[in-house]
Amino acid sequence: MSDIKNTNYDLLQKQLISLIEDESNLIAILSNTSALLNDHLDQVNWVGFYLIENNELILGPFQGHPACVHIQIGKGVCGTAVSNNETQVVKDVHQFPGHIACDANSNSEIVIPIHKDNKIIGVLDIDAPIKSRFNDEDRKELEKVVSIIENQIK
């Protein structure tokens, strides 16, 4: 039996649209998005963004404990999401080859690439202290969240 509450993703997405609809600054958009997701998602311990700069991922706006600042593309879950250009859902990060442990309390993770002008500009990264926190519904709904961001920053 899981302690995870069902997230009302429809409400979360409507709130996100309302929150960022008049904003064009990427950092402001990502900052408020990380705060909103952190408030609405149960059983998560880190919600944030990494942005591509000089061919590596650099820590962006987030909610949670201090995190790794530099991640090489192709390394860890975030770097793999970028190099494969696809969402990564990891049930147990300790079983993920090359996992970068920024927080020892993280046990599962989802990472979704963010695009602008058909290029990856960064990722949404969410960690959880429990294993198997993220399922296919979370993937689909969080990909919609990323779509809302992408539509706002075009």
C-alpha atoms as a PDB file:
ATOM      1  CA  MET A   1       0.000   0.000   0.000  1.00  0.00           C
ATOM      2  CA  SER A   2       1.398   3.372  -0.981  1.00  0.00           C
ATOM      3  CA  ASP A   3       1.216   6.664   0.881  1.00  0.00           C
ATOM      4  CA  ILE A   4       1.268   8.581  -2.399  1.00  0.00           C
ATOM      5  CA  LYS A   5      -1.812  10.733  -2.870  1.00  0.00           C
ATOM      6  CA  ASN A   6      -3.261  11.114  -6.326  1.00  0.00           C
ATOM      7  CA  THR A   7      -2.162  14.402  -7.828  1.00  0.00           C
ATOM      8  CA  ASN A   8      -4.855  16.463  -9.499  1.00  0.00           C
ATOM      9  CA  TYR A   9      -2.749  17.103 -12.590  1.00  0.00           C
ATOM     10  CA  ASP A  10      -5.593  18.871 -14.392  1.00  0.00           C
ATOM     11  CA  LEU A  11      -5.802  21.483 -11.630  1.00  0.00           C
ATOM     12  CA  LEU A  12      -2.011  21.732 -11.399  1.00  0.00           C
ATOM     13  CA  GLN A  13      -1.737  22.371 -15.161  1.00  0.00           C
ATOM     14  CA  LYS A  14      -4.473  25.030 -15.058  1.00  0.00           C
ATOM     15  CA  GLN A  15      -2.724  26.735 -12.153  1.00  0.00           C
ATOM     16  CA  LEU A  16       0.593  26.639 -14.025  1.00  0.00           C
ATOM     17  CA  ILE A  17      -0.943  28.200 -17.147  1.00  0.00           C
ATOM     18  CA  SER A  18      -2.474  30.963 -15.025  1.00  0.00           C
ATOM     19  CA  LEU A  19       0.767  31.480 -13.083  1.00  0.00           C
ATOM     20  CA  ILE A  20       3.056  31.884 -16.110  1.00  0.00           C
ATOM     21  CA  GLU A  21       0.767  33.090 -18.920  1.00  0.00           C
ATOM     22  CA  ASP A  22       1.979  36.699 -18.759  1.00  0.00           C
ATOM     23  CA  GLU A  23       5.637  35.873 -18.061  1.00  0.00           C
ATOM     24  CA  SER A  24       8.416  35.688 -20.637  1.00  0.00           C
ATOM     25  CA  ASN A  25      11.476  35.394 -18.368  1.00  0.00           C
ATOM     26  CA  LEU A  26      12.670  31.781 -18.390  1.00  0.00           C
ATOM     27  CA  ILE A  27      14.113  31.882 -14.858  1.00  0.00           C
ATOM     28  CA  ALA A  28      10.882  33.316 -13.435  1.00  0.00           C
ATOM     29  CA  ILE A  29       8.825  30.665 -15.253  1.00  0.00           C
ATOM     30  CA  LEU A  30      11.020  27.814 -14.042  1.00  0.00           C
ATOM     31  CA  SER A  31      11.186  29.199 -10.494  1.00  0.00           C
ATOM     32  CA  ASN A  32       7.420  29.367 -10.109  1.00  0.00           C
ATOM     33  CA  THR A  33       6.964  26.012 -11.845  1.00  0.00           C
ATOM     34  CA  SER A  34       9.354  24.280  -9.433  1.00  0.00           C
ATOM     35  CA  ALA A  35       7.545  25.845  -6.457  1.00  0.00           C
ATOM     36  CA  LEU A  36       4.122  24.838  -7.797  1.00  0.00           C
ATOM     37  CA  LEU A  37       5.199  21.251  -8.482  1.00  0.00           C
ATOM     38  CA  ASN A  38       6.879  20.997  -5.077  1.00  0.00           C
ATOM     39  CA  ASP A  39       3.649  22.148  -3.421  1.00  0.00           C
ATOM     40  CA  HIS A  40       1.418  19.735  -5.371  1.00  0.00           C
ATOM     41  CA  LEU A  41       3.434  16.525  -5.624  1.00  0.00           C
ATOM     42  CA  ASP A  42       3.497  14.184  -2.633  1.00  0.00           C
ATOM     43  CA  GLN A  43       6.488  12.076  -1.697  1.00  0.00           C
ATOM     44  CA  VAL A  44       9.076  14.155  -3.568  1.00  0.00           C
ATOM     45  CA  ASN A  45      12.238  15.634  -2.095  1.00  0.00           C
ATOM     46  CA  TRP A  46      13.612  17.684  -5.010  1.00  0.00           C
ATOM     47  CA  VAL A  47      11.957  19.473  -7.925  1.00  0.00           C
ATOM     48  CA  GLY A  48      13.976  21.585 -10.295  1.00  0.00           C
ATOM     49  CA  PHE A  49      15.543  22.340 -13.609  1.00  0.00           C
ATOM     50  CA  TYR A  50      18.912  21.962 -15.267  1.00  0.00           C
ATOM     51  CA  LEU A  51      19.668  24.149 -18.287  1.00  0.00           C
ATOM     52  CA  ILE A  52      22.155  23.441 -21.052  1.00  0.00           C
ATOM     53  CA  GLU A  53      25.059  25.861 -21.107  1.00  0.00           C
ATOM     54  CA  ASN A  54      28.444  25.268 -22.763  1.00  0.00           C
ATOM     55  CA  ASN A  55      27.429  21.702 -23.662  1.00  0.00           C
ATOM     56  CA  GLU A  56      26.652  20.635 -20.081  1.00  0.00           C
ATOM     57  CA  LEU A  57      23.698  20.821 -17.727  1.00  0.00           C
ATOM     58  CA  ILE A  58      23.862  23.649 -15.183  1.00  0.00           C
ATOM     59  CA  LEU A  59      21.664  23.832 -12.097  1.00  0.00           C
ATOM     60  CA  GLY A  60      18.666  26.117 -12.548  1.00  0.00           C
ATOM     61  CA  PRO A  61      15.719  27.068 -10.328  1.00  0.00           C
ATOM     62  CA  PHE A  62      14.719  24.350  -7.856  1.00  0.00           C
ATOM     63  CA  GLN A  63      13.046  23.459  -4.565  1.00  0.00           C
ATOM     64  CA  GLY A  64      14.902  21.142  -2.190  1.00  0.00           C
ATOM     65  CA  HIS A  65      18.348  20.580  -0.752  1.00  0.00           C
ATOM     66  CA  PRO A  66      21.452  21.964  -2.497  1.00  0.00           C
ATOM     67  CA  ALA A  67      22.201  20.002  -5.642  1.00  0.00           C
ATOM     68  CA  CYS A  68      24.920  19.138  -8.131  1.00  0.00           C
ATOM     69  CA  VAL A  69      25.708  22.215 -10.216  1.00  0.00           C
ATOM     70  CA  HIS A  70      27.332  20.626 -13.290  1.00  0.00           C
ATOM     71  CA  ILE A  71      26.134  17.442 -15.016  1.00  0.00           C
ATOM     72  CA  GLN A  72      27.739  16.167 -18.196  1.00  0.00           C
ATOM     73  CA  ILE A  73      25.387  15.353 -21.046  1.00  0.00           C
ATOM     74  CA  GLY A  74      25.119  11.572 -21.205  1.00  0.00           C
ATOM     75  CA  LYS A  75      25.888  11.140 -17.484  1.00  0.00           C
ATOM     76  CA  GLY A  76      23.378  10.281 -14.800  1.00  0.00           C
ATOM     77  CA  VAL A  77      19.616  10.347 -15.279  1.00  0.00           C
ATOM     78  CA  CYS A  78      19.522  14.010 -16.344  1.00  0.00           C
ATOM     79  CA  GLY A  79      22.353  13.684 -18.839  1.00  0.00           C
ATOM     80  CA  THR A  80      20.820  10.499 -20.243  1.00  0.00           C
ATOM     81  CA  ALA A  81      17.465  12.241 -20.764  1.00  0.00           C
ATOM     82  CA  VAL A  82      19.289  14.860 -22.847  1.00  0.00           C
ATOM     83  CA  SER A  83      21.465  12.467 -24.855  1.00  0.00           C
ATOM     84  CA  ASN A  84      18.485  10.170 -25.612  1.00  0.00           C
ATOM     85  CA  ASN A  85      16.024  13.081 -25.967  1.00  0.00           C
ATOM     86  CA  GLU A  86      13.420  11.175 -23.977  1.00  0.00           C
ATOM     87  CA  THR A  87      11.840  11.124 -20.558  1.00  0.00           C
ATOM     88  CA  GLN A  88      13.596   8.906 -18.033  1.00  0.00           C
ATOM     89  CA  VAL A  89      11.491   7.215 -15.338  1.00  0.00           C
ATOM     90  CA  VAL A  90      13.764   5.474 -12.853  1.00  0.00           C
ATOM     91  CA  LYS A  91      12.129   3.272 -10.207  1.00  0.00           C
ATOM     92  CA  ASP A  92      15.392   2.808  -8.252  1.00  0.00           C
ATOM     93  CA  VAL A  93      18.182   5.293  -8.912  1.00  0.00           C
ATOM     94  CA  HIS A  94      20.698   3.009  -7.190  1.00  0.00           C
ATOM     95  CA  GLN A  95      20.221   0.532 -10.052  1.00  0.00           C
ATOM     96  CA  PHE A  96      20.718   3.208 -12.751  1.00  0.00           C
ATOM     97  CA  PRO A  97      24.186   2.914 -14.350  1.00  0.00           C
ATOM     98  CA  GLY A  98      26.191   6.067 -13.658  1.00  0.00           C
ATOM     99  CA  HIS A  99      23.595   7.599 -11.330  1.00  0.00           C
ATOM    100  CA  ILE A 100      24.861  10.861  -9.830  1.00  0.00           C
ATOM    101  CA  ALA A 101      23.882  10.951  -6.169  1.00  0.00           C
ATOM    102  CA  CYS A 102      23.336  14.580  -5.228  1.00  0.00           C
ATOM    103  CA  ASP A 103      21.045  13.613  -2.337  1.00  0.00           C
ATOM    104  CA  ALA A 104      21.485  10.239  -0.624  1.00  0.00           C
ATOM    105  CA  ASN A 105      17.789  10.333   0.347  1.00  0.00           C
ATOM    106  CA  SER A 106      16.635  10.124  -3.291  1.00  0.00           C
ATOM    107  CA  ASN A 107      15.503   6.681  -4.414  1.00  0.00           C
ATOM    108  CA  SER A 108      13.502   7.284  -7.603  1.00  0.00           C
ATOM    109  CA  GLU A 109      13.503   9.975 -10.262  1.00  0.00           C
ATOM    110  CA  ILE A 110      11.809  11.322 -13.368  1.00  0.00           C
ATOM    111  CA  VAL A 111      13.570  13.598 -15.854  1.00  0.00           C
ATOM    112  CA  ILE A 112      11.835  15.244 -18.822  1.00  0.00           C
ATOM    113  CA  PRO A 113      13.660  17.138 -21.605  1.00  0.00           C
ATOM    114  CA  ILE A 114      12.570  20.724 -22.344  1.00  0.00           C
ATOM    115  CA  HIS A 115      12.697  22.002 -25.938  1.00  0.00           C
ATOM    116  CA  LYS A 116      12.799  25.404 -27.578  1.00  0.00           C
ATOM    117  CA  ASP A 117      13.007  25.787 -31.364  1.00  0.00           C
ATOM    118  CA  ASN A 118      13.270  21.975 -31.660  1.00  0.00           C
ATOM    119  CA  LYS A 119      16.434  21.909 -29.503  1.00  0.00           C
ATOM    120  CA  ILE A 120      16.775  20.613 -25.951  1.00  0.00           C
ATOM    121  CA  ILE A 121      17.492  23.544 -23.641  1.00  0.00           C
ATOM    122  CA  GLY A 122      17.272  21.688 -20.342  1.00  0.00           C
ATOM    123  CA  VAL A 123      15.356  19.215 -18.210  1.00  0.00           C
ATOM    124  CA  LEU A 124      12.761  19.040 -15.472  1.00  0.00           C
ATOM    125  CA  ASP A 125      14.146  16.775 -12.737  1.00  0.00           C
ATOM    126  CA  ILE A 126      12.055  15.406  -9.861  1.00  0.00           C
ATOM    127  CA  ASP A 127      13.439  13.120  -7.144  1.00  0.00           C
ATOM    128  CA  ALA A 128      11.570  11.078  -4.552  1.00  0.00           C
ATOM    129  CA  PRO A 129      12.659   9.491  -1.274  1.00  0.00           C
ATOM    130  CA  ILE A 130      10.722   6.296  -2.068  1.00  0.00           C
ATOM    131  CA  LYS A 131      11.302   3.731  -4.802  1.00  0.00           C
ATOM    132  CA  SER A 132       8.876   3.465  -7.745  1.00  0.00           C
ATOM    133  CA  ARG A 133       7.352   6.893  -6.996  1.00  0.00           C
ATOM    134  CA  PHE A 134       6.717   7.749 -10.662  1.00  0.00           C
ATOM    135  CA  ASN A 135       4.458   5.784 -12.995  1.00  0.00           C
ATOM    136  CA  ASP A 136       3.262   6.161 -16.573  1.00  0.00           C
ATOM    137  CA  GLU A 137       0.479   8.570 -15.570  1.00  0.00           C
ATOM    138  CA  ASP A 138       3.039  10.821 -13.848  1.00  0.00           C
ATOM    139  CA  ARG A 139       5.181  10.693 -16.994  1.00  0.00           C
ATOM    140  CA  LYS A 140       2.295  11.682 -19.276  1.00  0.00           C
ATOM    141  CA  GLU A 141       1.037  14.444 -16.993  1.00  0.00           C
ATOM    142  CA  LEU A 142       4.473  15.884 -16.236  1.00  0.00           C
ATOM    143  CA  GLU A 143       5.258  15.857 -19.968  1.00  0.00           C
ATOM    144  CA  LYS A 144       2.135  18.052 -20.327  1.00  0.00           C
ATOM    145  CA  VAL A 145       3.581  20.377 -17.665  1.00  0.00           C
ATOM    146  CA  VAL A 146       6.782  20.629 -19.711  1.00  0.00           C
ATOM    147  CA  SER A 147       4.666  21.306 -22.829  1.00  0.00           C
ATOM    148  CA  ILE A 148       3.033  24.242 -21.047  1.00  0.00           C
ATOM    149  CA  ILE A 149       6.504  25.630 -20.272  1.00  0.00           C
ATOM    150  CA  GLU A 150       7.677  25.055 -23.854  1.00  0.00           C
ATOM    151  CA  ASN A 151       4.642  26.869 -25.262  1.00  0.00           C
ATOM    152  CA  GLN A 152       5.300  29.822 -22.966  1.00  0.00           C
ATOM    153  CA  ILE A 153       9.001  30.229 -23.847  1.00  0.00           C
ATOM    154  CA  LYS A 154       8.675  30.042 -27.654  1.00  0.00           C
END
